Amino acid sequence: MAVGLLLTAFKKGAFMFRLMAGVTLCVGLAATAAAQDAKVAKGEKLFTDQKCSLCHAIGDKGNKKGPLDGVATKLKADEIREWITDAKGMTAKTKATRKPEMKAFALPKDEVDALVAYLTTLK
């Protein structure tokens, strides 16, 4: 009987451990998703504040000569980052012919990260 009680207590403890681990995982994932959502929102604001729509369009807003709709299906996040940080190098690398060429931007890393996060949502 004592062994049975110990076994039952062990099972309850194991269940509680698994339950708490699951809750912790869910909370962690929710926090990560919230942080990503905040980064995407910051990127969208930066897109507006930096006046990217003078040369680029998303949906029906902006310059139709530089559409970004579906950019995340065509480019990897690293390539989007490279376009933002080294437009001249990417122009040469991809043999892009659009004129005028994209100008160079000197943005802090966190702002580039936010713009990349936003642009990777455009599928």
N, C-alpha and C. Protein backbone atom coordinates (compact mmCIF):
# COMPACT_ATOMS: atom_id res chain seq x y z
N MET A 1 0.82 -1.18 0.00
CA MET A 1 0.00 0.00 0.00
C MET A 1 0.88 1.26 0.00
N ALA A 2 1.93 1.28 0.77
CA ALA A 2 2.83 2.43 0.83
C ALA A 2 3.47 2.67 -0.55
N VAL A 3 3.82 1.58 -1.22
CA VAL A 3 4.41 1.71 -2.55
C VAL A 3 3.39 2.32 -3.51
N GLY A 4 2.14 1.91 -3.39
CA GLY A 4 1.08 2.45 -4.24
C GLY A 4 0.89 3.94 -4.00
N LEU A 5 0.95 4.38 -2.74
CA LEU A 5 0.82 5.80 -2.42
C LEU A 5 2.00 6.60 -2.99
N LEU A 6 3.18 6.04 -2.87
CA LEU A 6 4.36 6.70 -3.41
C LEU A 6 4.27 6.83 -4.94
N LEU A 7 3.82 5.76 -5.56
CA LEU A 7 3.68 5.76 -7.01
C LEU A 7 2.65 6.80 -7.46
N THR A 8 1.52 6.89 -6.74
CA THR A 8 0.49 7.87 -7.06
C THR A 8 1.03 9.28 -6.88
N ALA A 9 1.75 9.53 -5.79
CA ALA A 9 2.34 10.85 -5.54
C ALA A 9 3.35 11.19 -6.64
N PHE A 10 4.14 10.21 -7.04
CA PHE A 10 5.13 10.43 -8.10
C PHE A 10 4.44 10.80 -9.41
N LYS A 11 3.36 10.08 -9.73
CA LYS A 11 2.63 10.37 -10.97
C LYS A 11 2.04 11.77 -10.95
N LYS A 12 1.50 12.17 -9.77
CA LYS A 12 0.94 13.52 -9.65
C LYS A 12 2.04 14.56 -9.81
N GLY A 13 3.20 14.29 -9.22
CA GLY A 13 4.33 15.22 -9.33
C GLY A 13 4.81 15.33 -10.76
N ALA A 14 4.88 14.19 -11.45
CA ALA A 14 5.31 14.20 -12.84
C ALA A 14 4.29 14.95 -13.70
N PHE A 15 3.01 14.75 -13.40
CA PHE A 15 1.97 15.45 -14.14
C PHE A 15 2.09 16.96 -13.92
N MET A 16 2.28 17.37 -12.69
CA MET A 16 2.41 18.80 -12.37
C MET A 16 3.64 19.39 -13.06
N PHE A 17 4.72 18.64 -13.08
CA PHE A 17 5.93 19.11 -13.75
C PHE A 17 5.65 19.33 -15.24
N ARG A 18 5.02 18.36 -15.88
CA ARG A 18 4.70 18.49 -17.30
C ARG A 18 3.72 19.64 -17.55
N LEU A 19 2.76 19.79 -16.66
CA LEU A 19 1.80 20.87 -16.79
C LEU A 19 2.50 22.23 -16.69
N MET A 20 3.35 22.39 -15.70
CA MET A 20 4.06 23.66 -15.53
C MET A 20 5.03 23.92 -16.69
N ALA A 21 5.67 22.88 -17.18
CA ALA A 21 6.57 23.03 -18.32
C ALA A 21 5.78 23.48 -19.54
N GLY A 22 4.62 22.92 -19.75
CA GLY A 22 3.77 23.30 -20.87
C GLY A 22 3.30 24.74 -20.77
N VAL A 23 2.88 25.15 -19.56
CA VAL A 23 2.44 26.52 -19.35
C VAL A 23 3.59 27.49 -19.59
N THR A 24 4.77 27.15 -19.08
CA THR A 24 5.95 28.00 -19.27
C THR A 24 6.28 28.14 -20.75
N LEU A 25 6.20 27.05 -21.47
CA LEU A 25 6.47 27.08 -22.91
C LEU A 25 5.47 27.98 -23.63
N CYS A 26 4.21 27.85 -23.30
CA CYS A 26 3.18 28.67 -23.94
C CYS A 26 3.38 30.16 -23.64
N VAL A 27 3.69 30.48 -22.40
CA VAL A 27 3.93 31.88 -22.03
C VAL A 27 5.16 32.40 -22.77
N GLY A 28 6.20 31.60 -22.87
CA GLY A 28 7.41 32.00 -23.59
C GLY A 28 7.13 32.24 -25.05
N LEU A 29 6.36 31.37 -25.67
CA LEU A 29 6.01 31.55 -27.08
C LEU A 29 5.15 32.79 -27.29
N ALA A 30 4.24 33.03 -26.38
CA ALA A 30 3.39 34.22 -26.48
C ALA A 30 4.22 35.49 -26.35
N ALA A 31 5.19 35.48 -25.43
CA ALA A 31 6.06 36.64 -25.26
C ALA A 31 6.91 36.86 -26.50
N THR A 32 7.41 35.79 -27.09
CA THR A 32 8.21 35.90 -28.31
C THR A 32 7.36 36.44 -29.45
N ALA A 33 6.14 35.95 -29.58
CA ALA A 33 5.23 36.44 -30.63
C ALA A 33 4.91 37.92 -30.42
N ALA A 34 4.71 38.32 -29.17
CA ALA A 34 4.41 39.72 -28.87
C ALA A 34 5.60 40.60 -29.22
N ALA A 35 6.80 40.15 -28.91
CA ALA A 35 8.01 40.91 -29.25
C ALA A 35 8.15 41.03 -30.76
N GLN A 36 7.88 39.96 -31.49
CA GLN A 36 7.96 39.99 -32.95
C GLN A 36 6.91 40.93 -33.52
N ASP A 37 5.70 40.90 -32.95
CA ASP A 37 4.64 41.81 -33.40
C ASP A 37 5.05 43.26 -33.19
N ALA A 38 5.69 43.55 -32.05
CA ALA A 38 6.16 44.91 -31.77
C ALA A 38 7.24 45.33 -32.76
N LYS A 39 8.12 44.39 -33.12
CA LYS A 39 9.19 44.69 -34.07
C LYS A 39 8.59 44.96 -35.45
N VAL A 40 7.60 44.18 -35.86
CA VAL A 40 6.93 44.38 -37.14
C VAL A 40 6.25 45.75 -37.16
N ALA A 41 5.56 46.10 -36.08
CA ALA A 41 4.88 47.40 -36.00
C ALA A 41 5.90 48.53 -36.08
N LYS A 42 7.04 48.37 -35.41
CA LYS A 42 8.09 49.39 -35.47
C LYS A 42 8.61 49.51 -36.90
N GLY A 43 8.78 48.38 -37.59
CA GLY A 43 9.25 48.40 -38.97
C GLY A 43 8.27 49.09 -39.90
N GLU A 44 6.99 48.85 -39.68
CA GLU A 44 5.97 49.50 -40.51
C GLU A 44 6.01 51.01 -40.29
N LYS A 45 6.17 51.43 -39.05
CA LYS A 45 6.28 52.87 -38.73
C LYS A 45 7.54 53.46 -39.37
N LEU A 46 8.65 52.75 -39.29
CA LEU A 46 9.89 53.22 -39.90
C LEU A 46 9.73 53.35 -41.42
N PHE A 47 9.05 52.40 -42.02
CA PHE A 47 8.79 52.45 -43.47
C PHE A 47 8.11 53.77 -43.82
N THR A 48 7.15 54.16 -43.00
CA THR A 48 6.44 55.42 -43.21
C THR A 48 7.34 56.61 -42.89
N ASP A 49 7.97 56.58 -41.71
CA ASP A 49 8.80 57.71 -41.26
C ASP A 49 9.98 57.96 -42.18
N GLN A 50 10.57 56.91 -42.74
CA GLN A 50 11.73 57.05 -43.63
C GLN A 50 11.30 57.39 -45.07
N LYS A 51 9.99 57.50 -45.25
CA LYS A 51 9.40 57.85 -46.56
C LYS A 51 9.79 56.86 -47.66
N CYS A 52 9.81 55.58 -47.29
CA CYS A 52 10.14 54.52 -48.26
C CYS A 52 9.13 54.49 -49.41
N SER A 53 7.90 54.96 -49.14
CA SER A 53 6.86 54.92 -50.17
C SER A 53 7.10 55.93 -51.29
N LEU A 54 8.09 56.81 -51.15
CA LEU A 54 8.43 57.69 -52.27
C LEU A 54 8.98 56.87 -53.44
N CYS A 55 9.62 55.75 -53.12
CA CYS A 55 10.21 54.89 -54.16
C CYS A 55 9.57 53.50 -54.24
N HIS A 56 8.88 53.09 -53.17
CA HIS A 56 8.33 51.73 -53.10
C HIS A 56 6.83 51.77 -52.80
N ALA A 57 6.13 50.75 -53.25
CA ALA A 57 4.70 50.63 -52.99
C ALA A 57 4.39 49.34 -52.25
N ILE A 58 3.43 49.44 -51.38
CA ILE A 58 2.85 48.27 -50.72
C ILE A 58 1.35 48.41 -50.91
N GLY A 59 0.77 47.42 -51.54
CA GLY A 59 -0.65 47.51 -51.87
C GLY A 59 -0.87 48.65 -52.84
N ASP A 60 -1.82 49.51 -52.54
CA ASP A 60 -2.10 50.63 -53.45
C ASP A 60 -1.48 51.93 -52.97
N LYS A 61 -0.54 51.85 -52.01
CA LYS A 61 0.09 53.05 -51.46
C LYS A 61 1.55 53.11 -51.84
N GLY A 62 1.95 54.26 -52.39
CA GLY A 62 3.36 54.46 -52.71
C GLY A 62 3.63 54.44 -54.20
N ASN A 63 4.92 54.44 -54.52
CA ASN A 63 5.38 54.49 -55.91
C ASN A 63 5.30 53.11 -56.54
N LYS A 64 4.44 52.97 -57.51
CA LYS A 64 4.20 51.67 -58.16
C LYS A 64 5.42 51.15 -58.92
N LYS A 65 6.43 52.00 -59.15
CA LYS A 65 7.64 51.55 -59.85
C LYS A 65 8.50 50.64 -58.98
N GLY A 66 8.26 50.66 -57.67
CA GLY A 66 9.05 49.82 -56.76
C GLY A 66 8.15 48.99 -55.85
N PRO A 67 7.36 48.08 -56.43
CA PRO A 67 6.42 47.31 -55.59
C PRO A 67 7.15 46.35 -54.65
N LEU A 68 6.66 46.30 -53.42
CA LEU A 68 7.22 45.37 -52.43
C LEU A 68 6.24 44.28 -52.05
N ASP A 69 5.06 44.27 -52.66
CA ASP A 69 4.10 43.19 -52.39
C ASP A 69 4.75 41.86 -52.74
N GLY A 70 4.71 40.92 -51.83
CA GLY A 70 5.27 39.61 -52.08
C GLY A 70 6.78 39.54 -51.98
N VAL A 71 7.42 40.60 -51.47
CA VAL A 71 8.88 40.61 -51.41
C VAL A 71 9.41 39.44 -50.57
N ALA A 72 8.67 39.03 -49.56
CA ALA A 72 9.13 37.94 -48.69
C ALA A 72 9.05 36.58 -49.38
N THR A 73 8.33 36.49 -50.47
CA THR A 73 8.29 35.23 -51.22
C THR A 73 9.42 35.19 -52.26
N LYS A 74 10.02 36.34 -52.52
CA LYS A 74 11.08 36.43 -53.53
C LYS A 74 12.48 36.52 -52.92
N LEU A 75 12.56 37.13 -51.74
CA LEU A 75 13.86 37.35 -51.10
C LEU A 75 13.86 36.78 -49.69
N LYS A 76 15.03 36.29 -49.27
CA LYS A 76 15.21 35.84 -47.89
C LYS A 76 15.43 37.08 -47.02
N ALA A 77 15.23 36.93 -45.72
CA ALA A 77 15.42 38.04 -44.79
C ALA A 77 16.82 38.65 -44.93
N ASP A 78 17.84 37.81 -45.10
CA ASP A 78 19.20 38.33 -45.24
C ASP A 78 19.36 39.18 -46.50
N GLU A 79 18.66 38.80 -47.56
CA GLU A 79 18.73 39.58 -48.80
C GLU A 79 18.01 40.92 -48.65
N ILE A 80 16.88 40.92 -47.95
CA ILE A 80 16.17 42.17 -47.67
C ILE A 80 17.08 43.08 -46.84
N ARG A 81 17.72 42.51 -45.84
CA ARG A 81 18.65 43.27 -45.00
C ARG A 81 19.77 43.87 -45.84
N GLU A 82 20.29 43.08 -46.76
CA GLU A 82 21.39 43.55 -47.60
C GLU A 82 20.93 44.70 -48.51
N TRP A 83 19.71 44.63 -49.03
CA TRP A 83 19.19 45.73 -49.84
C TRP A 83 19.13 47.01 -49.01
N ILE A 84 18.76 46.91 -47.75
CA ILE A 84 18.65 48.10 -46.89
C ILE A 84 20.03 48.63 -46.52
N THR A 85 20.96 47.75 -46.23
CA THR A 85 22.27 48.18 -45.73
C THR A 85 23.31 48.38 -46.81
N ASP A 86 23.16 47.75 -47.96
CA ASP A 86 24.13 47.86 -49.05
C ASP A 86 23.43 47.81 -50.40
N ALA A 87 22.62 48.83 -50.64
CA ALA A 87 21.82 48.86 -51.87
C ALA A 87 22.70 48.86 -53.11
N LYS A 88 23.80 49.58 -53.06
CA LYS A 88 24.68 49.64 -54.23
C LYS A 88 25.27 48.26 -54.53
N GLY A 89 25.70 47.55 -53.49
CA GLY A 89 26.23 46.20 -53.66
C GLY A 89 25.19 45.24 -54.19
N MET A 90 23.96 45.35 -53.69
CA MET A 90 22.88 44.48 -54.16
C MET A 90 22.47 44.81 -55.59
N THR A 91 22.53 46.09 -55.95
CA THR A 91 22.23 46.48 -57.32
C THR A 91 23.20 45.80 -58.28
N ALA A 92 24.49 45.82 -57.91
CA ALA A 92 25.51 45.18 -58.75
C ALA A 92 25.32 43.66 -58.75
N LYS A 93 25.10 43.11 -57.57
CA LYS A 93 24.96 41.65 -57.42
C LYS A 93 23.78 41.10 -58.23
N THR A 94 22.67 41.83 -58.21
CA THR A 94 21.45 41.34 -58.88
C THR A 94 21.29 41.91 -60.29
N LYS A 95 22.21 42.79 -60.67
CA LYS A 95 22.14 43.45 -61.98
C LYS A 95 20.80 44.18 -62.16
N ALA A 96 20.35 44.80 -61.07
CA ALA A 96 19.10 45.56 -61.10
C ALA A 96 19.25 46.77 -62.02
N THR A 97 18.22 47.04 -62.77
CA THR A 97 18.30 48.12 -63.76
C THR A 97 17.40 49.31 -63.41
N ARG A 98 16.70 49.24 -62.33
CA ARG A 98 15.78 50.33 -61.98
C ARG A 98 16.56 51.61 -61.70
N LYS A 99 16.07 52.70 -62.24
CA LYS A 99 16.68 54.01 -62.03
C LYS A 99 15.64 54.91 -61.40
N PRO A 100 15.99 55.75 -60.47
CA PRO A 100 17.32 55.85 -59.88
C PRO A 100 17.59 54.67 -58.97
N GLU A 101 18.86 54.39 -58.75
CA GLU A 101 19.23 53.30 -57.84
C GLU A 101 18.80 53.66 -56.43
N MET A 102 18.59 52.62 -55.63
CA MET A 102 18.22 52.83 -54.23
C MET A 102 19.39 53.49 -53.52
N LYS A 103 19.09 54.52 -52.73
CA LYS A 103 20.16 55.21 -52.03
C LYS A 103 20.59 54.44 -50.80
N ALA A 104 21.77 54.76 -50.32
CA ALA A 104 22.32 54.09 -49.13
C ALA A 104 21.69 54.69 -47.87
N PHE A 105 21.37 53.83 -46.93
CA PHE A 105 20.82 54.27 -45.65
C PHE A 105 21.75 53.83 -44.54
N ALA A 106 21.94 54.70 -43.56
CA ALA A 106 22.74 54.36 -42.39
C ALA A 106 21.80 54.34 -41.19
N LEU A 107 21.14 53.21 -41.00
CA LEU A 107 20.19 53.06 -39.91
C LEU A 107 20.79 52.20 -38.81
N PRO A 108 20.42 52.45 -37.57
CA PRO A 108 20.88 51.57 -36.48
C PRO A 108 20.38 50.14 -36.69
N LYS A 109 21.12 49.17 -36.17
CA LYS A 109 20.80 47.75 -36.37
C LYS A 109 19.37 47.43 -35.95
N ASP A 110 18.91 47.98 -34.83
CA ASP A 110 17.55 47.65 -34.37
C ASP A 110 16.49 48.16 -35.35
N GLU A 111 16.76 49.27 -36.02
CA GLU A 111 15.82 49.78 -37.01
C GLU A 111 15.84 48.93 -38.28
N VAL A 112 17.02 48.50 -38.68
CA VAL A 112 17.13 47.60 -39.84
C VAL A 112 16.40 46.29 -39.51
N ASP A 113 16.62 45.77 -38.30
CA ASP A 113 15.94 44.54 -37.88
C ASP A 113 14.42 44.71 -37.95
N ALA A 114 13.92 45.86 -37.53
CA ALA A 114 12.48 46.11 -37.55
C ALA A 114 11.96 46.20 -38.98
N LEU A 115 12.69 46.89 -39.84
CA LEU A 115 12.27 46.97 -41.25
C LEU A 115 12.26 45.59 -41.90
N VAL A 116 13.27 44.80 -41.61
CA VAL A 116 13.33 43.43 -42.15
C VAL A 116 12.15 42.62 -41.63
N ALA A 117 11.87 42.73 -40.34
CA ALA A 117 10.74 42.00 -39.76
C ALA A 117 9.44 42.38 -40.46
N TYR A 118 9.25 43.67 -40.70
CA TYR A 118 8.04 44.13 -41.39
C TYR A 118 7.99 43.62 -42.84
N LEU A 119 9.08 43.80 -43.57
CA LEU A 119 9.08 43.42 -44.97
C LEU A 119 8.94 41.91 -45.17
N THR A 120 9.40 41.12 -44.20
CA THR A 120 9.24 39.66 -44.33
C THR A 120 7.81 39.21 -44.09
N THR A 121 6.94 40.14 -43.69
CA THR A 121 5.52 39.78 -43.56
C THR A 121 4.77 39.98 -44.88
N LEU A 122 5.44 40.59 -45.85
CA LEU A 122 4.78 40.90 -47.13
C LEU A 122 4.92 39.70 -48.07
N LYS A 123 3.95 38.81 -47.96
CA LYS A 123 3.99 37.57 -48.75
C LYS A 123 2.88 37.55 -49.77
